[in-house]
Amino acid sequence: AFAIGAERLTPRPGNVLSQSDSLKLLVLVHNATLDPASARASLRAAFSVLQDGKVVAKGKDQTFDTAGAAPTVGPIALTPFAPGRYLARVEIIDEVSKTVVVRETPFEVTAPTPGR
């Protein structure tokens, strides 16, 4: 497991999770453009989970005025997710430089293992 502050992050081989698990998404953002007038950044992070190209879960947009940030969402209970393949997506919008960066990670949800 990894630790970031008080948070413990446990990687899953192959990004395979059970419906009895929960999902937490985290991204580290750095080097946002600073507004010359205010010396502040203007970042927005939007998390979503997709299946077959359709959004099945969406977090609230998060905003930051610093050059670095660590947006996170979760835990997201996977109980209502049907077994199958999904895509976790984060979109980072830098309002000062007018750039958008999208990162995606596939994961799989499986039925719970009996006795687990």
PDB file of N, CA and C in Angstrom:
ATOM      1  N   ALA A   1       0.839  -1.185   0.000  1.00  0.00           N
ATOM      2  CA  ALA A   1       0.000   0.000   0.000  1.00  0.00           C
ATOM      3  C   ALA A   1       0.880   1.244   0.000  1.00  0.00           C
ATOM      4  N   PHE A   2       0.336   2.308  -0.542  1.00  0.00           N
ATOM      5  CA  PHE A   2       1.004   3.599  -0.559  1.00  0.00           C
ATOM      6  C   PHE A   2       0.287   4.507   0.430  1.00  0.00           C
ATOM      7  N   ALA A   3       0.991   5.485   0.945  1.00  0.00           N
ATOM      8  CA  ALA A   3       0.368   6.453   1.849  1.00  0.00           C
ATOM      9  C   ALA A   3       0.599   7.852   1.311  1.00  0.00           C
ATOM     10  N   ILE A   4      -0.467   8.629   1.248  1.00  0.00           N
ATOM     11  CA  ILE A   4      -0.400  10.050   0.923  1.00  0.00           C
ATOM     12  C   ILE A   4      -1.118  10.749   2.065  1.00  0.00           C
ATOM     13  N   GLY A   5      -0.342  11.384   2.923  1.00  0.00           N
ATOM     14  CA  GLY A   5      -0.924  11.941   4.135  1.00  0.00           C
ATOM     15  C   GLY A   5      -1.484  10.805   4.973  1.00  0.00           C
ATOM     16  N   ALA A   6      -2.728  10.930   5.393  1.00  0.00           N
ATOM     17  CA  ALA A   6      -3.379   9.888   6.186  1.00  0.00           C
ATOM     18  C   ALA A   6      -4.064   8.830   5.319  1.00  0.00           C
ATOM     19  N   GLU A   7      -4.082   9.054   4.015  1.00  0.00           N
ATOM     20  CA  GLU A   7      -4.749   8.131   3.090  1.00  0.00           C
ATOM     21  C   GLU A   7      -3.847   6.963   2.737  1.00  0.00           C
ATOM     22  N   ARG A   8      -4.375   5.752   2.818  1.00  0.00           N
ATOM     23  CA  ARG A   8      -3.655   4.555   2.372  1.00  0.00           C
ATOM     24  C   ARG A   8      -4.264   4.108   1.055  1.00  0.00           C
ATOM     25  N   LEU A   9      -3.414   3.957   0.050  1.00  0.00           N
ATOM     26  CA  LEU A   9      -3.855   3.550  -1.274  1.00  0.00           C
ATOM     27  C   LEU A   9      -3.341   2.137  -1.536  1.00  0.00           C
ATOM     28  N   THR A  10      -4.252   1.243  -1.877  1.00  0.00           N
ATOM     29  CA  THR A  10      -3.885  -0.141  -2.130  1.00  0.00           C
ATOM     30  C   THR A  10      -4.090  -0.440  -3.603  1.00  0.00           C
ATOM     31  N   PRO A  11      -3.002  -0.664  -4.345  1.00  0.00           N
ATOM     32  CA  PRO A  11      -3.160  -0.985  -5.767  1.00  0.00           C
ATOM     33  C   PRO A  11      -3.782  -2.370  -5.942  1.00  0.00           C
ATOM     34  N   ARG A  12      -4.505  -2.556  -7.008  1.00  0.00           N
ATOM     35  CA  ARG A  12      -5.139  -3.836  -7.322  1.00  0.00           C
ATOM     36  C   ARG A  12      -4.543  -4.367  -8.613  1.00  0.00           C
ATOM     37  N   PRO A  13      -4.019  -5.585  -8.602  1.00  0.00           N
ATOM     38  CA  PRO A  13      -3.472  -6.158  -9.843  1.00  0.00           C
ATOM     39  C   PRO A  13      -4.523  -6.147 -10.952  1.00  0.00           C
ATOM     40  N   GLY A  14      -4.144  -5.613 -12.096  1.00  0.00           N
ATOM     41  CA  GLY A  14      -5.047  -5.588 -13.243  1.00  0.00           C
ATOM     42  C   GLY A  14      -6.234  -4.664 -13.083  1.00  0.00           C
ATOM     43  N   ASN A  15      -6.249  -3.847 -12.014  1.00  0.00           N
ATOM     44  CA  ASN A  15      -7.381  -2.948 -11.735  1.00  0.00           C
ATOM     45  C   ASN A  15      -8.708  -3.713 -11.696  1.00  0.00           C
ATOM     46  N   VAL A  16      -8.700  -4.895 -11.073  1.00  0.00           N
ATOM     47  CA  VAL A  16      -9.904  -5.714 -10.934  1.00  0.00           C
ATOM     48  C   VAL A  16     -10.443  -5.538  -9.520  1.00  0.00           C
ATOM     49  N   LEU A  17     -11.698  -5.105  -9.435  1.00  0.00           N
ATOM     50  CA  LEU A  17     -12.367  -4.855  -8.165  1.00  0.00           C
ATOM     51  C   LEU A  17     -13.652  -5.671  -8.094  1.00  0.00           C
ATOM     52  N   SER A  18     -14.075  -5.985  -6.894  1.00  0.00           N
ATOM     53  CA  SER A  18     -15.328  -6.703  -6.675  1.00  0.00           C
ATOM     54  C   SER A  18     -16.453  -5.693  -6.431  1.00  0.00           C
ATOM     55  N   GLN A  19     -17.679  -6.124  -6.656  1.00  0.00           N
ATOM     56  CA  GLN A  19     -18.824  -5.256  -6.349  1.00  0.00           C
ATOM     57  C   GLN A  19     -18.856  -4.903  -4.863  1.00  0.00           C
ATOM     58  N   SER A  20     -18.222  -5.698  -4.025  1.00  0.00           N
ATOM     59  CA  SER A  20     -18.202  -5.412  -2.585  1.00  0.00           C
ATOM     60  C   SER A  20     -17.115  -4.395  -2.221  1.00  0.00           C
ATOM     61  N   ASP A  21     -16.285  -4.002  -3.192  1.00  0.00           N
ATOM     62  CA  ASP A  21     -15.232  -3.007  -2.962  1.00  0.00           C
ATOM     63  C   ASP A  21     -15.754  -1.595  -3.203  1.00  0.00           C
ATOM     64  N   SER A  22     -14.892  -0.637  -2.922  1.00  0.00           N
ATOM     65  CA  SER A  22     -15.184   0.753  -3.278  1.00  0.00           C
ATOM     66  C   SER A  22     -13.981   1.290  -4.043  1.00  0.00           C
ATOM     67  N   LEU A  23     -14.218   2.346  -4.782  1.00  0.00           N
ATOM     68  CA  LEU A  23     -13.211   2.938  -5.653  1.00  0.00           C
ATOM     69  C   LEU A  23     -12.932   4.352  -5.194  1.00  0.00           C
ATOM     70  N   LYS A  24     -11.647   4.711  -5.129  1.00  0.00           N
ATOM     71  CA  LYS A  24     -11.252   6.079  -4.832  1.00  0.00           C
ATOM     72  C   LYS A  24     -10.314   6.524  -5.939  1.00  0.00           C
ATOM     73  N   LEU A  25     -10.575   7.672  -6.519  1.00  0.00           N
ATOM     74  CA  LEU A  25      -9.768   8.205  -7.612  1.00  0.00           C
ATOM     75  C   LEU A  25      -9.004   9.425  -7.129  1.00  0.00           C
ATOM     76  N   LEU A  26      -7.734   9.497  -7.516  1.00  0.00           N
ATOM     77  CA  LEU A  26      -6.858  10.588  -7.114  1.00  0.00           C
ATOM     78  C   LEU A  26      -5.950  10.925  -8.282  1.00  0.00           C
ATOM     79  N   VAL A  27      -5.734  12.197  -8.497  1.00  0.00           N
ATOM     80  CA  VAL A  27      -4.786  12.641  -9.530  1.00  0.00           C
ATOM     81  C   VAL A  27      -3.947  13.773  -8.936  1.00  0.00           C
ATOM     82  N   LEU A  28      -2.674  13.778  -9.295  1.00  0.00           N
ATOM     83  CA  LEU A  28      -1.788  14.856  -8.855  1.00  0.00           C
ATOM     84  C   LEU A  28      -1.569  15.800 -10.032  1.00  0.00           C
ATOM     85  N   VAL A  29      -1.824  17.073  -9.808  1.00  0.00           N
ATOM     86  CA  VAL A  29      -1.709  18.094 -10.845  1.00  0.00           C
ATOM     87  C   VAL A  29      -0.588  19.048 -10.438  1.00  0.00           C
ATOM     88  N   HIS A  30       0.254  19.396 -11.403  1.00  0.00           N
ATOM     89  CA  HIS A  30       1.339  20.324 -11.091  1.00  0.00           C
ATOM     90  C   HIS A  30       1.590  21.251 -12.277  1.00  0.00           C
ATOM     91  N   ASN A  31       2.237  22.349 -12.001  1.00  0.00           N
ATOM     92  CA  ASN A  31       2.643  23.330 -13.018  1.00  0.00           C
ATOM     93  C   ASN A  31       1.480  23.998 -13.744  1.00  0.00           C
ATOM     94  N   ALA A  32       0.397  24.255 -13.043  1.00  0.00           N
ATOM     95  CA  ALA A  32      -0.693  25.015 -13.662  1.00  0.00           C
ATOM     96  C   ALA A  32      -0.196  26.426 -13.972  1.00  0.00           C
ATOM     97  N   THR A  33      -0.746  27.014 -15.008  1.00  0.00           N
ATOM     98  CA  THR A  33      -0.371  28.374 -15.399  1.00  0.00           C
ATOM     99  C   THR A  33      -0.942  29.367 -14.387  1.00  0.00           C
ATOM    100  N   LEU A  34      -0.115  30.311 -13.992  1.00  0.00           N
ATOM    101  CA  LEU A  34      -0.566  31.350 -13.070  1.00  0.00           C
ATOM    102  C   LEU A  34      -1.003  32.577 -13.854  1.00  0.00           C
ATOM    103  N   ASP A  35      -2.080  33.195 -13.416  1.00  0.00           N
ATOM    104  CA  ASP A  35      -2.566  34.434 -14.009  1.00  0.00           C
ATOM    105  C   ASP A  35      -1.571  35.536 -13.654  1.00  0.00           C
ATOM    106  N   PRO A  36      -1.033  36.251 -14.638  1.00  0.00           N
ATOM    107  CA  PRO A  36      -0.039  37.293 -14.335  1.00  0.00           C
ATOM    108  C   PRO A  36      -0.576  38.398 -13.424  1.00  0.00           C
ATOM    109  N   ALA A  37      -1.857  38.694 -13.522  1.00  0.00           N
ATOM    110  CA  ALA A  37      -2.435  39.778 -12.721  1.00  0.00           C
ATOM    111  C   ALA A  37      -2.610  39.390 -11.255  1.00  0.00           C
ATOM    112  N   SER A  38      -3.006  38.141 -10.994  1.00  0.00           N
ATOM    113  CA  SER A  38      -3.304  37.733  -9.623  1.00  0.00           C
ATOM    114  C   SER A  38      -2.272  36.777  -9.031  1.00  0.00           C
ATOM    115  N   ALA A  39      -1.400  36.227  -9.875  1.00  0.00           N
ATOM    116  CA  ALA A  39      -0.421  35.208  -9.464  1.00  0.00           C
ATOM    117  C   ALA A  39      -1.112  33.961  -8.913  1.00  0.00           C
ATOM    118  N   ARG A  40      -2.339  33.717  -9.370  1.00  0.00           N
ATOM    119  CA  ARG A  40      -3.109  32.539  -8.945  1.00  0.00           C
ATOM    120  C   ARG A  40      -3.433  31.691 -10.167  1.00  0.00           C
ATOM    121  N   ALA A  41      -3.590  30.409  -9.911  1.00  0.00           N
ATOM    122  CA  ALA A  41      -4.023  29.489 -10.966  1.00  0.00           C
ATOM    123  C   ALA A  41      -5.549  29.432 -10.960  1.00  0.00           C
ATOM    124  N   SER A  42      -6.112  28.793 -11.956  1.00  0.00           N
ATOM    125  CA  SER A  42      -7.559  28.549 -12.014  1.00  0.00           C
ATOM    126  C   SER A  42      -7.751  27.183 -12.660  1.00  0.00           C
ATOM    127  N   LEU A  43      -7.817  26.148 -11.807  1.00  0.00           N
ATOM    128  CA  LEU A  43      -7.960  24.768 -12.259  1.00  0.00           C
ATOM    129  C   LEU A  43      -9.337  24.225 -11.911  1.00  0.00           C
ATOM    130  N   ARG A  44      -9.821  23.344 -12.779  1.00  0.00           N
ATOM    131  CA  ARG A  44     -11.067  22.624 -12.489  1.00  0.00           C
ATOM    132  C   ARG A  44     -10.819  21.155 -12.799  1.00  0.00           C
ATOM    133  N   ALA A  45     -11.221  20.278 -11.884  1.00  0.00           N
ATOM    134  CA  ALA A  45     -11.086  18.830 -12.066  1.00  0.00           C
ATOM    135  C   ALA A  45     -12.474  18.215 -12.094  1.00  0.00           C
ATOM    136  N   ALA A  46     -12.712  17.364 -13.092  1.00  0.00           N
ATOM    137  CA  ALA A  46     -14.008  16.684 -13.235  1.00  0.00           C
ATOM    138  C   ALA A  46     -13.757  15.183 -13.383  1.00  0.00           C
ATOM    139  N   PHE A  47     -14.243  14.395 -12.423  1.00  0.00           N
ATOM    140  CA  PHE A  47     -14.104  12.943 -12.446  1.00  0.00           C
ATOM    141  C   PHE A  47     -15.386  12.304 -12.958  1.00  0.00           C
ATOM    142  N   SER A  48     -15.247  11.214 -13.708  1.00  0.00           N
ATOM    143  CA  SER A  48     -16.421  10.438 -14.127  1.00  0.00           C
ATOM    144  C   SER A  48     -16.009   8.986 -14.322  1.00  0.00           C
ATOM    145  N   VAL A  49     -17.019   8.119 -14.296  1.00  0.00           N
ATOM    146  CA  VAL A  49     -16.838   6.694 -14.584  1.00  0.00           C
ATOM    147  C   VAL A  49     -17.757   6.381 -15.748  1.00  0.00           C
ATOM    148  N   LEU A  50     -17.195   5.719 -16.767  1.00  0.00           N
ATOM    149  CA  LEU A  50     -17.960   5.392 -17.971  1.00  0.00           C
ATOM    150  C   LEU A  50     -17.993   3.883 -18.194  1.00  0.00           C
ATOM    151  N   GLN A  51     -19.071   3.445 -18.814  1.00  0.00           N
ATOM    152  CA  GLN A  51     -19.176   2.067 -19.296  1.00  0.00           C
ATOM    153  C   GLN A  51     -19.756   2.144 -20.697  1.00  0.00           C
ATOM    154  N   ASP A  52     -19.068   1.523 -21.639  1.00  0.00           N
ATOM    155  CA  ASP A  52     -19.481   1.554 -23.044  1.00  0.00           C
ATOM    156  C   ASP A  52     -19.701   2.983 -23.549  1.00  0.00           C
ATOM    157  N   GLY A  53     -18.838   3.909 -23.091  1.00  0.00           N
ATOM    158  CA  GLY A  53     -18.902   5.291 -23.546  1.00  0.00           C
ATOM    159  C   GLY A  53     -19.956   6.150 -22.877  1.00  0.00           C
ATOM    160  N   LYS A  54     -20.722   5.577 -21.943  1.00  0.00           N
ATOM    161  CA  LYS A  54     -21.782   6.335 -21.252  1.00  0.00           C
ATOM    162  C   LYS A  54     -21.375   6.588 -19.802  1.00  0.00           C
ATOM    163  N   VAL A  55     -21.626   7.807 -19.316  1.00  0.00           N
ATOM    164  CA  VAL A  55     -21.305   8.164 -17.938  1.00  0.00           C
ATOM    165  C   VAL A  55     -22.261   7.427 -17.001  1.00  0.00           C
ATOM    166  N   VAL A  56     -21.682   6.664 -16.052  1.00  0.00           N
ATOM    167  CA  VAL A  56     -22.488   5.948 -15.063  1.00  0.00           C
ATOM    168  C   VAL A  56     -22.319   6.537 -13.667  1.00  0.00           C
ATOM    169  N   ALA A  57     -21.304   7.384 -13.486  1.00  0.00           N
ATOM    170  CA  ALA A  57     -21.100   8.080 -12.209  1.00  0.00           C
ATOM    171  C   ALA A  57     -20.281   9.329 -12.503  1.00  0.00           C
ATOM    172  N   LYS A  58     -20.592  10.399 -11.763  1.00  0.00           N
ATOM    173  CA  LYS A  58     -19.875  11.662 -11.973  1.00  0.00           C
ATOM    174  C   LYS A  58     -19.719  12.342 -10.625  1.00  0.00           C
ATOM    175  N   GLY A  59     -18.507  12.827 -10.362  1.00  0.00           N
ATOM    176  CA  GLY A  59     -18.252  13.584  -9.140  1.00  0.00           C
ATOM    177  C   GLY A  59     -18.533  15.056  -9.352  1.00  0.00           C
ATOM    178  N   LYS A  60     -18.616  15.791  -8.255  1.00  0.00           N
ATOM    179  CA  LYS A  60     -18.763  17.245  -8.342  1.00  0.00           C
ATOM    180  C   LYS A  60     -17.448  17.835  -8.839  1.00  0.00           C
ATOM    181  N   ASP A  61     -17.545  18.850  -9.687  1.00  0.00           N
ATOM    182  CA  ASP A  61     -16.339  19.535 -10.147  1.00  0.00           C
ATOM    183  C   ASP A  61     -15.622  20.146  -8.945  1.00  0.00           C
ATOM    184  N   GLN A  62     -14.298  20.106  -8.986  1.00  0.00           N
ATOM    185  CA  GLN A  62     -13.472  20.675  -7.926  1.00  0.00           C
ATOM    186  C   GLN A  62     -12.619  21.788  -8.522  1.00  0.00           C
ATOM    187  N   THR A  63     -12.475  22.885  -7.805  1.00  0.00           N
ATOM    188  CA  THR A  63     -11.683  24.008  -8.304  1.00  0.00           C
ATOM    189  C   THR A  63     -10.512  24.281  -7.361  1.00  0.00           C
ATOM    190  N   PHE A  64      -9.428  24.782  -7.960  1.00  0.00           N
ATOM    191  CA  PHE A  64      -8.211  25.074  -7.211  1.00  0.00           C
ATOM    192  C   PHE A  64      -7.600  26.356  -7.761  1.00  0.00           C
ATOM    193  N   ASP A  65      -6.973  27.140  -6.882  1.00  0.00           N
ATOM    194  CA  ASP A  65      -6.322  28.363  -7.334  1.00  0.00           C
ATOM    195  C   ASP A  65      -4.812  28.318  -7.080  1.00  0.00           C
ATOM    196  N   THR A  66      -4.271  27.111  -7.000  1.00  0.00           N
ATOM    197  CA  THR A  66      -2.847  26.905  -6.783  1.00  0.00           C
ATOM    198  C   THR A  66      -2.246  26.197  -7.999  1.00  0.00           C
ATOM    199  N   ALA A  67      -0.928  26.301  -8.163  1.00  0.00           N
ATOM    200  CA  ALA A  67      -0.251  25.676  -9.310  1.00  0.00           C
ATOM    201  C   ALA A  67      -0.216  24.159  -9.204  1.00  0.00           C
ATOM    202  N   GLY A  68      -0.374  23.627  -7.999  1.00  0.00           N
ATOM    203  CA  GLY A  68      -0.430  22.187  -7.775  1.00  0.00           C
ATOM    204  C   GLY A  68      -1.659  21.834  -6.967  1.00  0.00           C
ATOM    205  N   ALA A  69      -2.211  20.651  -7.224  1.00  0.00           N
ATOM    206  CA  ALA A  69      -3.414  20.224  -6.507  1.00  0.00           C
ATOM    207  C   ALA A  69      -3.490  18.697  -6.523  1.00  0.00           C
ATOM    208  N   ALA A  70      -4.321  18.147  -5.650  1.00  0.00           N
ATOM    209  CA  ALA A  70      -4.534  16.701  -5.590  1.00  0.00           C
ATOM    210  C   ALA A  70      -6.035  16.410  -5.517  1.00  0.00           C
ATOM    211  N   PRO A  71      -6.751  16.621  -6.619  1.00  0.00           N
ATOM    212  CA  PRO A  71      -8.178  16.322  -6.618  1.00  0.00           C
ATOM    213  C   PRO A  71      -8.429  14.834  -6.384  1.00  0.00           C
ATOM    214  N   THR A  72      -9.493  14.531  -5.671  1.00  0.00           N
ATOM    215  CA  THR A  72      -9.854  13.147  -5.369  1.00  0.00           C
ATOM    216  C   THR A  72     -11.368  13.015  -5.311  1.00  0.00           C
ATOM    217  N   VAL A  73     -11.843  11.821  -5.546  1.00  0.00           N
ATOM    218  CA  VAL A  73     -13.258  11.523  -5.409  1.00  0.00           C
ATOM    219  C   VAL A  73     -13.383  10.107  -4.849  1.00  0.00           C
ATOM    220  N   GLY A  74     -14.353   9.919  -3.989  1.00  0.00           N
ATOM    221  CA  GLY A  74     -14.588   8.590  -3.435  1.00  0.00           C
ATOM    222  C   GLY A  74     -14.518   8.619  -1.926  1.00  0.00           C
ATOM    223  N   PRO A  75     -14.770   7.495  -1.331  1.00  0.00           N
ATOM    224  CA  PRO A  75     -14.970   6.198  -1.962  1.00  0.00           C
ATOM    225  C   PRO A  75     -16.318   6.095  -2.680  1.00  0.00           C
ATOM    226  N   ILE A  76     -16.272   5.427  -3.815  1.00  0.00           N
ATOM    227  CA  ILE A  76     -17.465   5.161  -4.614  1.00  0.00           C
ATOM    228  C   ILE A  76     -17.815   3.691  -4.414  1.00  0.00           C
ATOM    229  N   ALA A  77     -18.962   3.412  -3.799  1.00  0.00           N
ATOM    230  CA  ALA A  77     -19.392   2.025  -3.600  1.00  0.00           C
ATOM    231  C   ALA A  77     -19.655   1.387  -4.956  1.00  0.00           C
ATOM    232  N   LEU A  78     -19.111   0.203  -5.178  1.00  0.00           N
ATOM    233  CA  LEU A  78     -19.289  -0.479  -6.457  1.00  0.00           C
ATOM    234  C   LEU A  78     -20.461  -1.453  -6.444  1.00  0.00           C
ATOM    235  N   THR A  79     -21.184  -1.527  -5.341  1.00  0.00           N
ATOM    236  CA  THR A  79     -22.341  -2.424  -5.228  1.00  0.00           C
ATOM    237  C   THR A  79     -23.338  -2.242  -6.370  1.00  0.00           C
ATOM    238  N   PRO A  80     -23.686  -1.012  -6.758  1.00  0.00           N
ATOM    239  CA  PRO A  80     -24.657  -0.871  -7.843  1.00  0.00           C
ATOM    240  C   PRO A  80     -24.078  -1.073  -9.253  1.00  0.00           C
ATOM    241  N   PHE A  81     -22.776  -1.233  -9.371  1.00  0.00           N
ATOM    242  CA  PHE A  81     -22.144  -1.421 -10.678  1.00  0.00           C
ATOM    243  C   PHE A  81     -22.273  -2.882 -11.103  1.00  0.00           C
ATOM    244  N   ALA A  82     -22.801  -3.109 -12.284  1.00  0.00           N
ATOM    245  CA  ALA A  82     -22.890  -4.475 -12.820  1.00  0.00           C
ATOM    246  C   ALA A  82     -21.481  -4.964 -13.141  1.00  0.00           C
ATOM    247  N   PRO A  83     -21.237  -6.265 -13.019  1.00  0.00           N
ATOM    248  CA  PRO A  83     -19.935  -6.779 -13.437  1.00  0.00           C
ATOM    249  C   PRO A  83     -19.642  -6.371 -14.877  1.00  0.00           C
ATOM    250  N   GLY A  84     -18.412  -5.984 -15.133  1.00  0.00           N
ATOM    251  CA  GLY A  84     -18.022  -5.570 -16.476  1.00  0.00           C
ATOM    252  C   GLY A  84     -16.841  -4.637 -16.446  1.00  0.00           C
ATOM    253  N   ARG A  85     -16.517  -4.101 -17.610  1.00  0.00           N
ATOM    254  CA  ARG A  85     -15.373  -3.198 -17.769  1.00  0.00           C
ATOM    255  C   ARG A  85     -15.853  -1.746 -17.738  1.00  0.00           C
ATOM    256  N   TYR A  86     -15.051  -0.912 -17.080  1.00  0.00           N
ATOM    257  CA  TYR A  86     -15.362   0.500 -16.912  1.00  0.00           C
ATOM    258  C   TYR A  86     -14.127   1.330 -17.214  1.00  0.00           C
ATOM    259  N   LEU A  87     -14.335   2.631 -17.293  1.00  0.00           N
ATOM    260  CA  LEU A  87     -13.249   3.561 -17.534  1.00  0.00           C
ATOM    261  C   LEU A  87     -13.373   4.710 -16.531  1.00  0.00           C
ATOM    262  N   ALA A  88     -12.332   4.904 -15.715  1.00  0.00           N
ATOM    263  CA  ALA A  88     -12.284   6.052 -14.808  1.00  0.00           C
ATOM    264  C   ALA A  88     -11.621   7.191 -15.573  1.00  0.00           C
ATOM    265  N   ARG A  89     -12.244   8.356 -15.559  1.00  0.00           N
ATOM    266  CA  ARG A  89     -11.736   9.495 -16.328  1.00  0.00           C
ATOM    267  C   ARG A  89     -11.665  10.726 -15.427  1.00  0.00           C
ATOM    268  N   VAL A  90     -10.574  11.484 -15.614  1.00  0.00           N
ATOM    269  CA  VAL A  90     -10.476  12.798 -14.987  1.00  0.00           C
ATOM    270  C   VAL A  90     -10.125  13.787 -16.080  1.00  0.00           C
ATOM    271  N   GLU A  91     -10.795  14.902 -16.047  1.00  0.00           N
ATOM    272  CA  GLU A  91     -10.528  16.000 -16.980  1.00  0.00           C
ATOM    273  C   GLU A  91     -10.061  17.186 -16.153  1.00  0.00           C
ATOM    274  N   ILE A  92      -8.858  17.680 -16.459  1.00  0.00           N
ATOM    275  CA  ILE A  92      -8.298  18.844 -15.767  1.00  0.00           C
ATOM    276  C   ILE A  92      -8.323  20.018 -16.729  1.00  0.00           C
ATOM    277  N   ILE A  93      -9.005  21.078 -16.332  1.00  0.00           N
ATOM    278  CA  ILE A  93      -9.124  22.269 -17.164  1.00  0.00           C
ATOM    279  C   ILE A  93      -8.328  23.388 -16.506  1.00  0.00           C
ATOM    280  N   ASP A  94      -7.357  23.927 -17.244  1.00  0.00           N
ATOM    281  CA  ASP A  94      -6.583  25.074 -16.788  1.00  0.00           C
ATOM    282  C   ASP A  94      -7.215  26.296 -17.449  1.00  0.00           C
ATOM    283  N   GLU A  95      -7.969  27.053 -16.675  1.00  0.00           N
ATOM    284  CA  GLU A  95      -8.710  28.196 -17.210  1.00  0.00           C
ATOM    285  C   GLU A  95      -7.783  29.332 -17.638  1.00  0.00           C
ATOM    286  N   VAL A  96      -6.589  29.432 -17.067  1.00  0.00           N
ATOM    287  CA  VAL A  96      -5.667  30.512 -17.423  1.00  0.00           C
ATOM    288  C   VAL A  96      -5.048  30.242 -18.794  1.00  0.00           C
ATOM    289  N   SER A  97      -4.524  29.036 -18.994  1.00  0.00           N
ATOM    290  CA  SER A  97      -3.883  28.713 -20.279  1.00  0.00           C
ATOM    291  C   SER A  97      -4.872  28.177 -21.312  1.00  0.00           C
ATOM    292  N   LYS A  98      -6.111  27.955 -20.886  1.00  0.00           N
ATOM    293  CA  LYS A  98      -7.158  27.425 -21.775  1.00  0.00           C
ATOM    294  C   LYS A  98      -6.771  26.043 -22.322  1.00  0.00           C
ATOM    295  N   THR A  99      -6.163  25.212 -21.462  1.00  0.00           N
ATOM    296  CA  THR A  99      -5.805  23.853 -21.872  1.00  0.00           C
ATOM    297  C   THR A  99      -6.624  22.837 -21.081  1.00  0.00           C
ATOM    298  N   VAL A 100      -6.803  21.680 -21.698  1.00  0.00           N
ATOM    299  CA  VAL A 100      -7.536  20.582 -21.073  1.00  0.00           C
ATOM    300  C   VAL A 100      -6.674  19.326 -21.182  1.00  0.00           C
ATOM    301  N   VAL A 101      -6.534  18.627 -20.067  1.00  0.00           N
ATOM    302  CA  VAL A 101      -5.812  17.362 -20.042  1.00  0.00           C
ATOM    303  C   VAL A 101      -6.786  16.300 -19.539  1.00  0.00           C
ATOM    304  N   VAL A 102      -6.883  15.197 -20.288  1.00  0.00           N
ATOM    305  CA  VAL A 102      -7.766  14.094 -19.907  1.00  0.00           C
ATOM    306  C   VAL A 102      -6.913  12.855 -19.670  1.00  0.00           C
ATOM    307  N   ARG A 103      -7.151  12.187 -18.555  1.00  0.00           N
ATOM    308  CA  ARG A 103      -6.478  10.920 -18.259  1.00  0.00           C
ATOM    309  C   ARG A 103      -7.554   9.886 -17.966  1.00  0.00           C
ATOM    310  N   GLU A 104      -7.336   8.672 -18.497  1.00  0.00           N
ATOM    311  CA  GLU A 104      -8.304   7.595 -18.330  1.00  0.00           C
ATOM    312  C   GLU A 104      -7.586   6.327 -17.879  1.00  0.00           C
ATOM    313  N   THR A 105      -8.260   5.552 -17.043  1.00  0.00           N
ATOM    314  CA  THR A 105      -7.739   4.280 -16.582  1.00  0.00           C
ATOM    315  C   THR A 105      -8.859   3.247 -16.607  1.00  0.00           C
ATOM    316  N   PRO A 106      -8.661   2.135 -17.302  1.00  0.00           N
ATOM    317  CA  PRO A 106      -9.691   1.093 -17.301  1.00  0.00           C
ATOM    318  C   PRO A 106      -9.652   0.291 -16.005  1.00  0.00           C
ATOM    319  N   PHE A 107     -10.803  -0.214 -15.620  1.00  0.00           N
ATOM    320  CA  PHE A 107     -10.880  -1.141 -14.495  1.00  0.00           C
ATOM    321  C   PHE A 107     -12.046  -2.081 -14.728  1.00  0.00           C
ATOM    322  N   GLU A 108     -12.047  -3.156 -13.960  1.00  0.00           N
ATOM    323  CA  GLU A 108     -13.092  -4.173 -14.107  1.00  0.00           C
ATOM    324  C   GLU A 108     -13.767  -4.397 -12.767  1.00  0.00           C
ATOM    325  N   VAL A 109     -15.082  -4.581 -12.803  1.00  0.00           N
ATOM    326  CA  VAL A 109     -15.852  -4.922 -11.609  1.00  0.00           C
ATOM    327  C   VAL A 109     -16.318  -6.364 -11.788  1.00  0.00           C
ATOM    328  N   THR A 110     -16.095  -7.176 -10.754  1.00  0.00           N
ATOM    329  CA  THR A 110     -16.518  -8.576 -10.790  1.00  0.00           C
ATOM    330  C   THR A 110     -17.558  -8.818  -9.694  1.00  0.00           C
ATOM    331  N   ALA A 111     -18.305  -9.888  -9.819  1.00  0.00           N
ATOM    332  CA  ALA A 111     -19.260 -10.279  -8.776  1.00  0.00           C
ATOM    333  C   ALA A 111     -18.470 -10.630  -7.522  1.00  0.00           C
ATOM    334  N   PRO A 112     -19.053 -10.399  -6.336  1.00  0.00           N
ATOM    335  CA  PRO A 112     -18.327 -10.714  -5.095  1.00  0.00           C
ATOM    336  C   PRO A 112     -18.008 -12.202  -5.000  1.00  0.00           C
ATOM    337  N   THR A 113     -16.862 -12.481  -4.443  1.00  0.00           N
ATOM    338  CA  THR A 113     -16.448 -13.856  -4.215  1.00  0.00           C
ATOM    339  C   THR A 113     -17.162 -14.382  -2.982  1.00  0.00           C
ATOM    340  N   PRO A 114     -17.808 -15.563  -3.052  1.00  0.00           N
ATOM    341  CA  PRO A 114     -18.486 -16.112  -1.850  1.00  0.00           C
ATOM    342  C   PRO A 114     -17.513 -16.230  -0.686  1.00  0.00           C
ATOM    343  N   GLY A 115     -17.990 -15.852   0.497  1.00  0.00           N
ATOM    344  CA  GLY A 115     -17.182 -15.938   1.699  1.00  0.00           C
ATOM    345  C   GLY A 115     -16.253 -14.753   1.901  1.00  0.00           C
ATOM    346  N   ARG A 116     -16.346 -13.777   1.035  1.00  0.00           N
ATOM    347  CA  ARG A 116     -15.474 -12.606   1.166  1.00  0.00           C
ATOM    348  C   ARG A 116     -16.185 -11.482   1.839  1.00  0.00           C
TER     349      ARG A 116
END
